[in-house]
Amino acid sequence: MTHPLPEGMDPLLFTASVQQAIGGITRQGLSKMVKEGRFPAPLAFGTRNAWRASVVQAWINAQQPRTPDQRNVLSARLVRDRRVARVVAAIEATK
């Protein structure tokens, strides 16, 4: 069972989802890209990192050349991620 996100809520993507979304890069490769400023810095949740889906999607869209299918690969797959829904709910509960 998946939990729908509130209207207008930007889902969070954890490292494994980001790795897959940007072409199967390794965790070390992703970390190197962040350190070099070639990829947006993550939000830190204790020992875990997450990125806003819109930030990752914007980065993907900025890369050339890309097809429309590659640009939109995130939407359906990542919104279904239950972990994202739980983290978003936890964040909202602290506001």
Protein backbone atom coordinates (compact mmCIF):
# COMPACT_ATOMS: atom_id res chain seq x y z
CA MET A 1 0.00 0.00 0.00
CA THR A 2 1.33 3.42 -0.88
CA HIS A 3 0.53 6.65 0.88
CA PRO A 4 -0.30 9.60 -1.37
CA LEU A 5 1.63 12.80 -0.80
CA PRO A 6 -0.28 15.96 0.04
CA GLU A 7 -1.06 18.19 -2.95
CA GLY A 8 1.98 20.21 -4.00
CA MET A 9 4.40 18.21 -1.82
CA ASP A 10 7.82 17.65 -3.40
CA PRO A 11 8.89 14.03 -2.72
CA LEU A 12 12.33 13.29 -1.32
CA LEU A 13 14.64 10.86 -3.06
CA PHE A 14 17.18 8.85 -1.15
CA THR A 15 20.63 8.01 -2.48
CA ALA A 16 19.72 4.70 -4.16
CA SER A 17 16.83 6.31 -6.06
CA VAL A 18 19.02 9.22 -7.16
CA GLN A 19 21.77 6.84 -8.28
CA GLN A 20 19.28 4.95 -10.42
CA ALA A 21 17.63 8.10 -11.77
CA ILE A 22 20.87 9.61 -13.02
CA GLY A 23 22.07 6.52 -14.82
CA GLY A 24 23.20 3.93 -12.29
CA ILE A 25 26.15 5.92 -10.92
CA THR A 26 27.91 4.52 -7.86
CA ARG A 27 27.50 6.02 -4.40
CA GLN A 28 31.13 7.16 -4.54
CA GLY A 29 30.60 8.70 -7.97
CA LEU A 30 27.56 10.61 -6.73
CA SER A 31 29.50 11.84 -3.70
CA LYS A 32 32.35 13.00 -5.95
CA MET A 33 29.92 14.88 -8.22
CA VAL A 34 28.44 16.68 -5.18
CA LYS A 35 31.91 17.59 -3.83
CA GLU A 36 32.95 18.93 -7.25
CA GLY A 37 29.76 20.98 -7.55
CA ARG A 38 28.51 19.01 -10.58
CA PHE A 39 25.40 17.78 -8.73
CA PRO A 40 23.21 19.54 -6.10
CA ALA A 41 24.05 18.97 -2.45
CA PRO A 42 21.67 16.67 -0.53
CA LEU A 43 19.56 17.37 2.52
CA ALA A 44 20.94 15.47 5.53
CA PHE A 45 18.65 13.33 7.69
CA GLY A 46 20.97 11.95 10.31
CA THR A 47 23.22 9.53 8.44
CA ARG A 48 20.99 9.49 5.34
CA ASN A 49 20.97 11.89 2.42
CA ALA A 50 17.97 12.89 0.34
CA TRP A 51 17.29 15.24 -2.54
CA ARG A 52 14.04 16.95 -3.50
CA ALA A 53 12.64 15.24 -6.60
CA SER A 54 12.22 18.58 -8.35
CA VAL A 55 15.93 19.40 -7.88
CA VAL A 56 17.01 16.04 -9.30
CA GLN A 57 14.54 16.36 -12.19
CA ALA A 58 15.83 19.87 -12.96
CA TRP A 59 19.42 18.58 -13.00
CA ILE A 60 18.43 15.72 -15.33
CA ASN A 61 16.60 18.14 -17.63
CA ALA A 62 19.69 20.37 -17.79
CA GLN A 63 21.90 17.53 -19.03
CA GLN A 64 22.28 17.22 -22.81
CA PRO A 65 21.33 15.30 -24.84
CA ARG A 66 18.29 13.75 -23.15
CA THR A 67 15.07 12.31 -24.51
CA PRO A 68 11.67 13.15 -22.98
CA ASP A 69 11.44 9.58 -21.64
CA GLN A 70 14.73 9.96 -19.76
CA ARG A 71 13.68 13.35 -18.35
CA ASN A 72 10.41 12.01 -16.95
CA VAL A 73 11.70 8.71 -15.60
CA LEU A 74 11.37 9.84 -11.97
CA SER A 75 7.69 10.66 -11.57
CA ALA A 76 5.69 7.43 -11.23
CA ARG A 77 8.44 5.23 -9.84
CA LEU A 78 9.57 7.60 -7.09
CA VAL A 79 6.19 8.82 -5.84
CA ARG A 80 5.28 5.20 -5.08
CA ASP A 81 8.25 4.84 -2.75
CA ARG A 82 6.79 4.35 0.72
CA ARG A 83 9.97 5.58 2.39
CA VAL A 84 9.51 8.95 0.71
CA ALA A 85 5.95 9.24 1.99
CA ARG A 86 7.03 8.36 5.54
CA VAL A 87 9.87 10.90 5.57
CA VAL A 88 7.65 13.64 4.16
CA ALA A 89 5.02 12.90 6.80
CA ALA A 90 7.66 13.01 9.54
CA ILE A 91 8.99 16.34 8.30
CA GLU A 92 5.50 17.82 8.13
CA ALA A 93 4.78 16.61 11.66
CA THR A 94 7.76 18.60 12.98
CA LYS A 95 6.65 21.89 11.41
